[in-house]
All heavy atoms as atom14 arrays in JSON, in Angstrom:
{
  "sequence": "HLIRWDSPKCYYVVDQSPFPYEQEVLLHDGVRLFVLAMDEKEEEGKM",
  "atom14_mask": [
    [1, 1, 1, 1, 1, 1, 1, 1, 1, 1, 0, 0, 0, 0],
    [1, 1, 1, 1, 1, 1, 1, 1, 0, 0, 0, 0, 0, 0],
    [1, 1, 1, 1, 1, 1, 1, 1, 0, 0, 0, 0, 0, 0],
    [1, 1, 1, 1, 1, 1, 1, 1, 1, 1, 1, 0, 0, 0],
    [1, 1, 1, 1, 1, 1, 1, 1, 1, 1, 1, 1, 1, 1],
    [1, 1, 1, 1, 1, 1, 1, 1, 0, 0, 0, 0, 0, 0],
    [1, 1, 1, 1, 1, 1, 0, 0, 0, 0, 0, 0, 0, 0],
    [1, 1, 1, 1, 1, 1, 1, 0, 0, 0, 0, 0, 0, 0],
    [1, 1, 1, 1, 1, 1, 1, 1, 1, 0, 0, 0, 0, 0],
    [1, 1, 1, 1, 1, 1, 0, 0, 0, 0, 0, 0, 0, 0],
    [1, 1, 1, 1, 1, 1, 1, 1, 1, 1, 1, 1, 0, 0],
    [1, 1, 1, 1, 1, 1, 1, 1, 1, 1, 1, 1, 0, 0],
    [1, 1, 1, 1, 1, 1, 1, 0, 0, 0, 0, 0, 0, 0],
    [1, 1, 1, 1, 1, 1, 1, 0, 0, 0, 0, 0, 0, 0],
    [1, 1, 1, 1, 1, 1, 1, 1, 0, 0, 0, 0, 0, 0],
    [1, 1, 1, 1, 1, 1, 1, 1, 1, 0, 0, 0, 0, 0],
    [1, 1, 1, 1, 1, 1, 0, 0, 0, 0, 0, 0, 0, 0],
    [1, 1, 1, 1, 1, 1, 1, 0, 0, 0, 0, 0, 0, 0],
    [1, 1, 1, 1, 1, 1, 1, 1, 1, 1, 1, 0, 0, 0],
    [1, 1, 1, 1, 1, 1, 1, 0, 0, 0, 0, 0, 0, 0],
    [1, 1, 1, 1, 1, 1, 1, 1, 1, 1, 1, 1, 0, 0],
    [1, 1, 1, 1, 1, 1, 1, 1, 1, 0, 0, 0, 0, 0],
    [1, 1, 1, 1, 1, 1, 1, 1, 1, 0, 0, 0, 0, 0],
    [1, 1, 1, 1, 1, 1, 1, 1, 1, 0, 0, 0, 0, 0],
    [1, 1, 1, 1, 1, 1, 1, 0, 0, 0, 0, 0, 0, 0],
    [1, 1, 1, 1, 1, 1, 1, 1, 0, 0, 0, 0, 0, 0],
    [1, 1, 1, 1, 1, 1, 1, 1, 0, 0, 0, 0, 0, 0],
    [1, 1, 1, 1, 1, 1, 1, 1, 1, 1, 0, 0, 0, 0],
    [1, 1, 1, 1, 1, 1, 1, 1, 0, 0, 0, 0, 0, 0],
    [1, 1, 1, 1, 0, 0, 0, 0, 0, 0, 0, 0, 0, 0],
    [1, 1, 1, 1, 1, 1, 1, 0, 0, 0, 0, 0, 0, 0],
    [1, 1, 1, 1, 1, 1, 1, 1, 1, 1, 1, 0, 0, 0],
    [1, 1, 1, 1, 1, 1, 1, 1, 0, 0, 0, 0, 0, 0],
    [1, 1, 1, 1, 1, 1, 1, 1, 1, 1, 1, 0, 0, 0],
    [1, 1, 1, 1, 1, 1, 1, 0, 0, 0, 0, 0, 0, 0],
    [1, 1, 1, 1, 1, 1, 1, 1, 0, 0, 0, 0, 0, 0],
    [1, 1, 1, 1, 1, 0, 0, 0, 0, 0, 0, 0, 0, 0],
    [1, 1, 1, 1, 1, 1, 1, 1, 0, 0, 0, 0, 0, 0],
    [1, 1, 1, 1, 1, 1, 1, 1, 0, 0, 0, 0, 0, 0],
    [1, 1, 1, 1, 1, 1, 1, 1, 1, 0, 0, 0, 0, 0],
    [1, 1, 1, 1, 1, 1, 1, 1, 1, 0, 0, 0, 0, 0],
    [1, 1, 1, 1, 1, 1, 1, 1, 1, 0, 0, 0, 0, 0],
    [1, 1, 1, 1, 1, 1, 1, 1, 1, 0, 0, 0, 0, 0],
    [1, 1, 1, 1, 1, 1, 1, 1, 1, 0, 0, 0, 0, 0],
    [1, 1, 1, 1, 0, 0, 0, 0, 0, 0, 0, 0, 0, 0],
    [1, 1, 1, 1, 1, 1, 1, 1, 1, 0, 0, 0, 0, 0],
    [1, 1, 1, 1, 1, 1, 1, 1, 0, 0, 0, 0, 0, 0]
  ],
  "atom14_positions": [
    [[124.85, -33.8, -114.95], [124.12, -33.23, -113.81], [125.05, -33.27, -112.58], [125.34, -34.35, -112.05], [122.85, -34.06, -113.53], [122.09, -33.57, -112.34], [121.14, -34.36, -111.7], [122.12, -32.4, -111.66], [120.65, -33.67, -110.68], [121.22, -32.5, -110.62], [0.0, 0.0, 0.0], [0.0, 0.0, 0.0], [0.0, 0.0, 0.0], [0.0, 0.0, 0.0]],
    [[125.54, -32.13, -112.19], [126.43, -32.02, -111.02], [125.58, -31.67, -109.81], [125.07, -30.55, -109.7], [127.51, -30.96, -111.24], [128.65, -31.3, -112.18], [128.17, -31.4, -113.62], [129.75, -30.24, -112.1], [0.0, 0.0, 0.0], [0.0, 0.0, 0.0], [0.0, 0.0, 0.0], [0.0, 0.0, 0.0], [0.0, 0.0, 0.0], [0.0, 0.0, 0.0]],
    [[125.37, -32.62, -108.92], [124.44, -32.38, -107.82], [125.11, -31.7, -106.63], [126.27, -31.96, -106.31], [123.79, -33.7, -107.35], [124.82, -34.66, -106.76], [123.04, -34.38, -108.49], [124.21, -35.85, -106.05], [0.0, 0.0, 0.0], [0.0, 0.0, 0.0], [0.0, 0.0, 0.0], [0.0, 0.0, 0.0], [0.0, 0.0, 0.0], [0.0, 0.0, 0.0]],
    [[124.39, -30.81, -106.03], [124.76, -30.18, -104.73], [126.24, -29.76, -104.68], [127.0, -30.23, -103.87], [124.45, -31.12, -103.57], [122.98, -31.45, -103.43], [122.72, -32.26, -102.17], [123.56, -33.44, -102.05], [123.28, -34.59, -102.64], [122.21, -34.72, -103.41], [124.07, -35.64, -102.47], [0.0, 0.0, 0.0], [0.0, 0.0, 0.0], [0.0, 0.0, 0.0]],
    [[126.63, -28.83, -105.54], [127.99, -28.31, -105.5], [128.18, -27.65, -104.14], [127.65, -26.59, -103.85], [128.23, -27.3, -106.61], [129.66, -26.88, -106.7], [130.25, -25.9, -105.97], [130.67, -27.48, -107.52], [131.62, -25.82, -106.29], [131.88, -26.76, -107.22], [130.7, -28.49, -108.45], [133.08, -27.09, -107.85], [131.88, -28.79, -109.06], [133.06, -28.1, -108.76]],
    [[128.97, -28.29, -103.26], [129.01, -27.84, -101.85], [130.35, -27.28, -101.43], [130.68, -27.3, -100.25], [128.64, -29.01, -100.94], [129.53, -30.24, -101.14], [130.52, -30.14, -101.89], [129.22, -31.29, -100.55], [0.0, 0.0, 0.0], [0.0, 0.0, 0.0], [0.0, 0.0, 0.0], [0.0, 0.0, 0.0], [0.0, 0.0, 0.0], [0.0, 0.0, 0.0]],
    [[131.1, -26.79, -102.37], [132.38, -26.15, -102.01], [132.41, -24.73, -102.56], [131.97, -24.49, -103.7], [133.56, -26.92, -102.6], [134.76, -26.17, -102.46], [0.0, 0.0, 0.0], [0.0, 0.0, 0.0], [0.0, 0.0, 0.0], [0.0, 0.0, 0.0], [0.0, 0.0, 0.0], [0.0, 0.0, 0.0], [0.0, 0.0, 0.0], [0.0, 0.0, 0.0]],
    [[132.89, -23.76, -101.79], [132.99, -22.39, -102.29], [134.16, -22.21, -103.24], [134.29, -21.14, -103.83], [133.17, -21.57, -101.03], [133.85, -22.5, -100.07], [133.28, -23.84, -100.37], [0.0, 0.0, 0.0], [0.0, 0.0, 0.0], [0.0, 0.0, 0.0], [0.0, 0.0, 0.0], [0.0, 0.0, 0.0], [0.0, 0.0, 0.0], [0.0, 0.0, 0.0]],
    [[134.97, -23.23, -103.41], [136.13, -23.13, -104.28], [135.85, -23.65, -105.68], [134.98, -24.5, -105.89], [137.33, -23.91, -103.68], [138.09, -23.2, -102.59], [139.3, -24.03, -102.15], [140.17, -23.24, -101.19], [140.87, -22.14, -101.88], [0.0, 0.0, 0.0], [0.0, 0.0, 0.0], [0.0, 0.0, 0.0], [0.0, 0.0, 0.0], [0.0, 0.0, 0.0]],
    [[136.61, -23.17, -106.64], [136.7, -23.72, -107.99], [135.43, -23.56, -108.83], [135.23, -24.28, -109.81], [137.11, -25.19, -107.97], [138.77, -25.41, -107.27], [0.0, 0.0, 0.0], [0.0, 0.0, 0.0], [0.0, 0.0, 0.0], [0.0, 0.0, 0.0], [0.0, 0.0, 0.0], [0.0, 0.0, 0.0], [0.0, 0.0, 0.0], [0.0, 0.0, 0.0]],
    [[134.55, -22.64, -108.44], [133.44, -22.36, -109.33], [133.07, -20.88, -109.15], [133.38, -20.27, -108.13], [132.22, -23.24, -109.02], [131.29, -22.74, -107.94], [129.96, -22.43, -108.22], [131.72, -22.59, -106.64], [129.11, -21.96, -107.23], [130.88, -22.13, -105.64], [129.57, -21.83, -105.95], [128.73, -21.4, -104.97], [0.0, 0.0, 0.0], [0.0, 0.0, 0.0]],
    [[132.41, -20.32, -110.15], [132.06, -18.89, -110.08], [130.74, -18.66, -110.8], [130.6, -19.0, -111.99], [133.15, -18.03, -110.66], [133.02, -16.57, -110.29], [133.63, -16.08, -109.16], [132.23, -15.69, -111.04], [133.49, -14.75, -108.78], [132.1, -14.37, -110.68], [132.72, -13.91, -109.55], [132.58, -12.59, -109.16], [0.0, 0.0, 0.0], [0.0, 0.0, 0.0]],
    [[129.77, -18.11, -110.1], [128.49, -17.75, -110.71], [128.68, -16.43, -111.45], [129.04, -15.41, -110.86], [127.41, -17.58, -109.62], [126.08, -17.13, -110.29], [127.21, -18.87, -108.87], [0.0, 0.0, 0.0], [0.0, 0.0, 0.0], [0.0, 0.0, 0.0], [0.0, 0.0, 0.0], [0.0, 0.0, 0.0], [0.0, 0.0, 0.0], [0.0, 0.0, 0.0]],
    [[128.5, -16.46, -112.76], [128.78, -15.27, -113.6], [127.58, -14.33, -113.55], [126.71, -14.36, -114.41], [129.1, -15.7, -115.05], [129.57, -14.48, -115.86], [130.15, -16.79, -115.07], [0.0, 0.0, 0.0], [0.0, 0.0, 0.0], [0.0, 0.0, 0.0], [0.0, 0.0, 0.0], [0.0, 0.0, 0.0], [0.0, 0.0, 0.0], [0.0, 0.0, 0.0]],
    [[127.55, -13.5, -112.5], [126.42, -12.62, -112.33], [126.43, -11.43, -113.28], [125.42, -10.75, -113.44], [126.37, -12.11, -110.88], [127.66, -11.43, -110.45], [128.7, -11.7, -111.07], [127.62, -10.64, -109.51], [0.0, 0.0, 0.0], [0.0, 0.0, 0.0], [0.0, 0.0, 0.0], [0.0, 0.0, 0.0], [0.0, 0.0, 0.0], [0.0, 0.0, 0.0]],
    [[127.59, -11.15, -113.96], [127.66, -10.07, -114.91], [127.68, -10.58, -116.34], [128.21, -9.92, -117.23], [128.87, -9.17, -114.62], [130.23, -9.8, -114.89], [130.73, -10.61, -113.74], [129.99, -11.06, -112.89], [132.05, -10.82, -113.68], [0.0, 0.0, 0.0], [0.0, 0.0, 0.0], [0.0, 0.0, 0.0], [0.0, 0.0, 0.0], [0.0, 0.0, 0.0]],
    [[127.13, -11.77, -116.59], [127.16, -12.38, -117.91], [126.39, -11.56, -118.93], [125.36, -10.97, -118.63], [126.56, -13.79, -117.82], [126.36, -14.31, -119.12], [0.0, 0.0, 0.0], [0.0, 0.0, 0.0], [0.0, 0.0, 0.0], [0.0, 0.0, 0.0], [0.0, 0.0, 0.0], [0.0, 0.0, 0.0], [0.0, 0.0, 0.0], [0.0, 0.0, 0.0]],
    [[126.89, -11.53, -120.18], [126.13, -10.88, -121.27], [124.89, -11.69, -121.66], [124.05, -11.19, -122.41], [127.14, -10.81, -122.41], [128.07, -11.94, -122.14], [128.18, -12.03, -120.65], [0.0, 0.0, 0.0], [0.0, 0.0, 0.0], [0.0, 0.0, 0.0], [0.0, 0.0, 0.0], [0.0, 0.0, 0.0], [0.0, 0.0, 0.0], [0.0, 0.0, 0.0]],
    [[124.8, -12.93, -121.18], [123.66, -13.77, -121.45], [123.05, -14.27, -120.13], [123.16, -15.44, -119.77], [124.08, -14.99, -122.29], [124.94, -14.63, -123.49], [126.28, -14.95, -123.53], [124.38, -13.98, -124.58], [127.09, -14.61, -124.62], [125.15, -13.6, -125.66], [126.51, -13.95, -125.67], [0.0, 0.0, 0.0], [0.0, 0.0, 0.0], [0.0, 0.0, 0.0]],
    [[122.43, -13.35, -119.38], [121.95, -13.7, -118.03], [120.95, -14.84, -117.98], [120.85, -15.55, -117.0], [121.32, -12.39, -117.53], [121.02, -11.6, -118.78], [122.11, -11.97, -119.73], [0.0, 0.0, 0.0], [0.0, 0.0, 0.0], [0.0, 0.0, 0.0], [0.0, 0.0, 0.0], [0.0, 0.0, 0.0], [0.0, 0.0, 0.0], [0.0, 0.0, 0.0]],
    [[120.19, -15.02, -119.08], [119.2, -16.09, -119.13], [119.82, -17.48, -119.07], [119.18, -18.46, -118.72], [118.33, -15.98, -120.38], [119.13, -16.04, -121.66], [119.35, -17.28, -122.28], [119.64, -14.91, -122.27], [120.1, -17.36, -123.47], [120.35, -14.98, -123.46], [120.6, -16.18, -124.03], [121.31, -16.27, -125.19], [0.0, 0.0, 0.0], [0.0, 0.0, 0.0]],
    [[121.12, -17.58, -119.42], [121.81, -18.84, -119.37], [122.16, -19.28, -117.95], [122.48, -20.45, -117.72], [123.09, -18.81, -120.22], [122.83, -18.69, -121.7], [124.1, -18.85, -122.53], [125.2, -18.82, -121.92], [123.99, -18.99, -123.75], [0.0, 0.0, 0.0], [0.0, 0.0, 0.0], [0.0, 0.0, 0.0], [0.0, 0.0, 0.0], [0.0, 0.0, 0.0]],
    [[122.17, -18.35, -117.01], [122.49, -18.66, -115.61], [123.8, -19.43, -115.52], [123.92, -20.5, -114.94], [121.36, -19.41, -114.96], [120.02, -18.68, -114.94], [118.91, -19.47, -114.34], [119.11, -20.26, -113.44], [117.68, -19.24, -114.84], [0.0, 0.0, 0.0], [0.0, 0.0, 0.0], [0.0, 0.0, 0.0], [0.0, 0.0, 0.0], [0.0, 0.0, 0.0]],
    [[124.84, -18.84, -116.11], [126.13, -19.53, -116.27], [126.93, -19.62, -114.99], [126.97, -18.69, -114.18], [126.94, -18.81, -117.36], [128.25, -19.52, -117.68], [129.07, -18.79, -118.74], [128.83, -17.58, -118.94], [129.92, -19.43, -119.35], [0.0, 0.0, 0.0], [0.0, 0.0, 0.0], [0.0, 0.0, 0.0], [0.0, 0.0, 0.0], [0.0, 0.0, 0.0]],
    [[127.58, -20.76, -114.84], [128.54, -21.0, -113.77], [129.8, -21.56, -114.4], [129.74, -22.5, -115.2], [127.99, -21.99, -112.72], [129.05, -22.27, -111.65], [126.73, -21.46, -112.08], [0.0, 0.0, 0.0], [0.0, 0.0, 0.0], [0.0, 0.0, 0.0], [0.0, 0.0, 0.0], [0.0, 0.0, 0.0], [0.0, 0.0, 0.0], [0.0, 0.0, 0.0]],
    [[130.96, -20.97, -114.09], [132.22, -21.45, -114.64], [132.94, -22.3, -113.59], [133.06, -21.95, -112.43], [133.12, -20.27, -115.02], [132.67, -19.43, -116.23], [133.53, -18.2, -116.38], [132.71, -20.29, -117.5], [0.0, 0.0, 0.0], [0.0, 0.0, 0.0], [0.0, 0.0, 0.0], [0.0, 0.0, 0.0], [0.0, 0.0, 0.0], [0.0, 0.0, 0.0]],
    [[133.42, -23.46, -114.03], [134.16, -24.38, -113.18], [135.64, -24.3, -113.51], [136.03, -24.24, -114.67], [133.68, -25.82, -113.37], [132.19, -26.07, -113.1], [131.82, -27.52, -113.35], [131.85, -25.68, -111.66], [0.0, 0.0, 0.0], [0.0, 0.0, 0.0], [0.0, 0.0, 0.0], [0.0, 0.0, 0.0], [0.0, 0.0, 0.0], [0.0, 0.0, 0.0]],
    [[136.46, -24.31, -112.5], [137.89, -24.16, -112.65], [138.54, -25.35, -113.32], [138.14, -26.51, -113.12], [138.55, -23.92, -111.27], [139.98, -23.55, -111.31], [140.97, -24.48, -111.29], [140.6, -22.33, -111.38], [142.16, -23.88, -111.34], [141.94, -22.58, -111.38], [0.0, 0.0, 0.0], [0.0, 0.0, 0.0], [0.0, 0.0, 0.0], [0.0, 0.0, 0.0]],
    [[139.55, -25.1, -114.09], [140.34, -26.16, -114.75], [140.87, -27.16, -113.72], [141.4, -26.77, -112.68], [141.54, -25.49, -115.46], [142.5, -26.5, -116.05], [142.05, -27.5, -116.6], [143.73, -26.27, -115.92], [0.0, 0.0, 0.0], [0.0, 0.0, 0.0], [0.0, 0.0, 0.0], [0.0, 0.0, 0.0], [0.0, 0.0, 0.0], [0.0, 0.0, 0.0]],
    [[140.69, -28.46, -114.0], [141.25, -29.49, -113.12], [140.31, -30.01, -112.05], [140.68, -30.88, -111.26], [0.0, 0.0, 0.0], [0.0, 0.0, 0.0], [0.0, 0.0, 0.0], [0.0, 0.0, 0.0], [0.0, 0.0, 0.0], [0.0, 0.0, 0.0], [0.0, 0.0, 0.0], [0.0, 0.0, 0.0], [0.0, 0.0, 0.0], [0.0, 0.0, 0.0]],
    [[139.05, -29.52, -112.01], [138.08, -29.99, -111.01], [137.9, -31.5, -111.16], [137.77, -32.05, -112.23], [136.74, -29.25, -111.2], [135.61, -29.97, -110.47], [136.83, -27.83, -110.69], [0.0, 0.0, 0.0], [0.0, 0.0, 0.0], [0.0, 0.0, 0.0], [0.0, 0.0, 0.0], [0.0, 0.0, 0.0], [0.0, 0.0, 0.0], [0.0, 0.0, 0.0]],
    [[137.83, -32.17, -109.99], [137.64, -33.62, -109.98], [136.2, -33.97, -109.58], [135.64, -33.34, -108.66], [138.59, -34.29, -108.97], [140.06, -34.11, -109.37], [140.97, -34.72, -108.3], [142.36, -34.63, -108.71], [143.37, -35.11, -107.98], [143.11, -35.72, -106.79], [144.62, -34.99, -108.38], [0.0, 0.0, 0.0], [0.0, 0.0, 0.0], [0.0, 0.0, 0.0]],
    [[135.61, -34.94, -110.28], [134.21, -35.3, -110.09], [134.05, -36.81, -109.98], [134.68, -37.57, -110.75], [133.36, -34.77, -111.23], [133.4, -33.26, -111.49], [132.72, -32.95, -112.84], [132.71, -32.49, -110.39], [0.0, 0.0, 0.0], [0.0, 0.0, 0.0], [0.0, 0.0, 0.0], [0.0, 0.0, 0.0], [0.0, 0.0, 0.0], [0.0, 0.0, 0.0]],
    [[133.2, -37.24, -109.05], [132.8, -38.63, -108.96], [131.58, -38.88, -109.84], [130.69, -38.03, -109.91], [132.45, -39.04, -107.52], [133.64, -39.04, -106.59], [133.74, -38.09, -105.59], [134.63, -39.97, -106.7], [134.82, -38.1, -104.7], [135.71, -40.0, -105.83], [135.81, -39.05, -104.85], [0.0, 0.0, 0.0], [0.0, 0.0, 0.0], [0.0, 0.0, 0.0]],
    [[131.5, -40.07, -110.45], [130.34, -40.45, -111.24], [129.4, -41.28, -110.35], [129.78, -42.37, -109.92], [130.71, -41.26, -112.49], [129.47, -41.61, -113.29], [131.71, -40.47, -113.34], [0.0, 0.0, 0.0], [0.0, 0.0, 0.0], [0.0, 0.0, 0.0], [0.0, 0.0, 0.0], [0.0, 0.0, 0.0], [0.0, 0.0, 0.0], [0.0, 0.0, 0.0]],
    [[128.23, -40.75, -110.03], [127.31, -41.41, -109.11], [126.34, -42.34, -109.81], [125.96, -43.38, -109.29], [126.52, -40.34, -108.33], [127.33, -39.39, -107.45], [126.36, -38.51, -106.68], [128.25, -40.13, -106.51], [0.0, 0.0, 0.0], [0.0, 0.0, 0.0], [0.0, 0.0, 0.0], [0.0, 0.0, 0.0], [0.0, 0.0, 0.0], [0.0, 0.0, 0.0]],
    [[125.87, -41.96, -111.01], [124.84, -42.75, -111.7], [124.78, -42.36, -113.16], [125.23, -41.29, -113.55], [123.48, -42.56, -111.03], [0.0, 0.0, 0.0], [0.0, 0.0, 0.0], [0.0, 0.0, 0.0], [0.0, 0.0, 0.0], [0.0, 0.0, 0.0], [0.0, 0.0, 0.0], [0.0, 0.0, 0.0], [0.0, 0.0, 0.0], [0.0, 0.0, 0.0]],
    [[124.18, -43.24, -113.96], [123.9, -42.96, -115.37], [122.54, -43.52, -115.73], [122.19, -44.62, -115.34], [125.01, -43.58, -116.27], [126.34, -42.94, -116.09], [127.63, -43.62, -117.18], [127.01, -43.18, -118.8], [0.0, 0.0, 0.0], [0.0, 0.0, 0.0], [0.0, 0.0, 0.0], [0.0, 0.0, 0.0], [0.0, 0.0, 0.0], [0.0, 0.0, 0.0]],
    [[121.76, -42.71, -116.45], [120.39, -43.11, -116.84], [120.11, -42.66, -118.25], [120.76, -41.72, -118.78], [119.37, -42.5, -115.91], [119.56, -42.92, -114.45], [119.25, -44.08, -114.15], [120.02, -42.09, -113.66], [0.0, 0.0, 0.0], [0.0, 0.0, 0.0], [0.0, 0.0, 0.0], [0.0, 0.0, 0.0], [0.0, 0.0, 0.0], [0.0, 0.0, 0.0]],
    [[119.12, -43.3, -118.86], [118.64, -42.88, -120.17], [117.29, -42.16, -119.98], [116.42, -42.64, -119.28], [118.44, -44.12, -121.08], [119.71, -44.87, -121.38], [120.76, -44.05, -122.12], [120.36, -43.27, -123.02], [121.94, -44.17, -121.79], [0.0, 0.0, 0.0], [0.0, 0.0, 0.0], [0.0, 0.0, 0.0], [0.0, 0.0, 0.0], [0.0, 0.0, 0.0]],
    [[117.17, -40.99, -120.58], [115.98, -40.17, -120.45], [115.42, -39.84, -121.83], [116.13, -39.93, -122.85], [116.24, -38.91, -119.67], [116.73, -39.14, -118.25], [115.61, -39.57, -117.34], [116.08, -39.66, -115.89], [114.99, -40.05, -114.99], [0.0, 0.0, 0.0], [0.0, 0.0, 0.0], [0.0, 0.0, 0.0], [0.0, 0.0, 0.0], [0.0, 0.0, 0.0]],
    [[114.18, -39.4, -121.86], [113.55, -38.99, -123.13], [112.94, -37.61, -122.95], [112.27, -37.33, -121.94], [112.49, -39.98, -123.58], [111.86, -39.61, -124.91], [110.85, -40.65, -125.38], [110.73, -41.71, -124.72], [110.22, -40.39, -126.41], [0.0, 0.0, 0.0], [0.0, 0.0, 0.0], [0.0, 0.0, 0.0], [0.0, 0.0, 0.0], [0.0, 0.0, 0.0]],
    [[113.12, -36.73, -123.9], [112.58, -35.39, -123.86], [112.16, -35.01, -125.29], [112.95, -35.04, -126.23], [113.64, -34.38, -123.38], [113.09, -32.99, -123.15], [112.49, -32.78, -121.79], [112.74, -33.62, -120.9], [111.77, -31.78, -121.62], [0.0, 0.0, 0.0], [0.0, 0.0, 0.0], [0.0, 0.0, 0.0], [0.0, 0.0, 0.0], [0.0, 0.0, 0.0]],
    [[110.88, -34.7, -125.45], [110.35, -34.32, -126.75], [110.65, -35.38, -127.83], [110.97, -35.06, -128.97], [110.92, -32.96, -127.19], [110.58, -31.83, -126.22], [111.23, -30.52, -126.63], [111.95, -30.52, -127.66], [111.01, -29.53, -125.95], [0.0, 0.0, 0.0], [0.0, 0.0, 0.0], [0.0, 0.0, 0.0], [0.0, 0.0, 0.0], [0.0, 0.0, 0.0]],
    [[110.53, -36.61, -127.42], [110.77, -37.73, -128.33], [112.21, -38.04, -128.64], [112.5, -38.88, -129.49], [0.0, 0.0, 0.0], [0.0, 0.0, 0.0], [0.0, 0.0, 0.0], [0.0, 0.0, 0.0], [0.0, 0.0, 0.0], [0.0, 0.0, 0.0], [0.0, 0.0, 0.0], [0.0, 0.0, 0.0], [0.0, 0.0, 0.0], [0.0, 0.0, 0.0]],
    [[113.12, -37.36, -127.97], [114.55, -37.57, -128.18], [115.21, -38.18, -126.95], [114.95, -37.76, -125.82], [115.24, -36.26, -128.52], [114.71, -35.59, -129.8], [115.44, -34.27, -130.07], [114.88, -33.61, -131.33], [115.56, -32.31, -131.6], [0.0, 0.0, 0.0], [0.0, 0.0, 0.0], [0.0, 0.0, 0.0], [0.0, 0.0, 0.0], [0.0, 0.0, 0.0]],
    [[116.01, -39.2, -127.16], [116.69, -39.89, -126.07], [118.04, -39.24, -125.79], [118.71, -38.74, -126.7], [116.92, -41.37, -126.43], [115.65, -42.17, -126.67], [114.61, -42.27, -125.2], [115.7, -43.13, -124.06], [0.0, 0.0, 0.0], [0.0, 0.0, 0.0], [0.0, 0.0, 0.0], [0.0, 0.0, 0.0], [0.0, 0.0, 0.0], [0.0, 0.0, 0.0]]
  ]
}
């Protein structure tokens, strides 16, 4: 979960995607990310 992507650089919303339902965003090679938190969740009986 990448929260609040707040830079106009190094990402691209693929508005002409052949799979528009996926709402795809491409991130540029080499992007650096901080790890803020980790949690265990359950969805449909699966962890």
